[in-house]
Amino acid sequence: MREHREAVQRRQAASLGSEEFERAAAEVAEIEIRIAALEEPPPHVTPPPRVTPPPQRPPG
């Protein structure tokens, strides 16, 4: 998180559209992608099997 904070600070300090701004913005995006990958649960390869309840017998 320190890397992210420092990159955001560099981006905020740079002039909009400057090389420094573009570099810092790219670094922020890269760090945020890495953070999202850690937070996102892994995709399920196959869905869980459906459980069908047994048929009910008529009363009597």
Protein backbone atom coordinates (compact mmCIF):
# COMPACT_ATOMS: atom_id res chain seq x y z
CA MET A 1 0.00 0.00 0.00
CA ARG A 2 2.99 2.26 0.55
CA GLU A 3 3.91 1.92 -3.14
CA HIS A 4 0.39 2.92 -4.14
CA ARG A 5 0.33 5.93 -1.84
CA GLU A 6 3.71 7.14 -3.11
CA ALA A 7 2.71 6.69 -6.77
CA VAL A 8 -0.53 8.61 -6.17
CA GLN A 9 1.43 11.41 -4.51
CA ARG A 10 3.82 11.58 -7.49
CA ARG A 11 0.88 11.68 -9.88
CA GLN A 12 -0.81 14.46 -7.90
CA ALA A 13 2.42 16.50 -7.77
CA ALA A 14 3.07 16.22 -11.52
CA SER A 15 1.66 18.56 -14.15
CA LEU A 16 -1.33 17.09 -15.95
CA GLY A 17 -0.20 15.49 -19.22
CA SER A 18 3.53 15.61 -18.38
CA GLU A 19 5.78 12.56 -18.71
CA GLU A 20 6.00 12.38 -14.92
CA PHE A 21 2.20 12.38 -14.68
CA GLU A 22 1.88 9.64 -17.32
CA ARG A 23 4.53 7.47 -15.63
CA ALA A 24 2.95 7.85 -12.21
CA ALA A 25 -0.56 7.22 -13.59
CA ALA A 26 0.65 4.02 -15.28
CA GLU A 27 2.31 2.92 -12.04
CA VAL A 28 -0.87 3.60 -10.04
CA ALA A 29 -2.89 1.56 -12.54
CA GLU A 30 -0.42 -1.34 -12.40
CA ILE A 31 -0.47 -1.38 -8.60
CA GLU A 32 -4.29 -1.23 -8.51
CA ILE A 33 -4.47 -4.21 -10.89
CA ARG A 34 -2.19 -6.19 -8.57
CA ILE A 35 -4.32 -5.21 -5.56
CA ALA A 36 -7.52 -6.25 -7.36
CA ALA A 37 -6.00 -9.62 -8.26
CA LEU A 38 -5.34 -10.25 -4.57
CA GLU A 39 -8.86 -9.23 -3.56
CA GLU A 40 -10.78 -11.04 -6.30
CA PRO A 41 -11.80 -14.62 -5.52
CA PRO A 42 -10.60 -17.23 -8.01
CA PRO A 43 -13.13 -18.17 -10.70
CA HIS A 44 -14.91 -21.49 -10.35
CA VAL A 45 -13.92 -23.97 -13.02
CA THR A 46 -17.20 -25.87 -12.80
CA PRO A 47 -20.39 -24.91 -11.03
CA PRO A 48 -21.35 -26.98 -8.00
CA PRO A 49 -23.65 -29.91 -8.75
CA ARG A 50 -27.38 -29.32 -8.41
CA VAL A 51 -29.05 -31.31 -5.72
CA THR A 52 -32.49 -32.49 -6.72
CA PRO A 53 -34.75 -33.40 -3.80
CA PRO A 54 -36.18 -36.93 -3.90
CA PRO A 55 -39.74 -37.21 -5.22
CA GLN A 56 -42.42 -37.06 -2.53
CA ARG A 57 -44.87 -39.93 -2.16
CA PRO A 58 -48.54 -39.10 -2.00
CA PRO A 59 -50.01 -39.40 1.52
CA GLY A 60 -51.81 -42.59 2.35
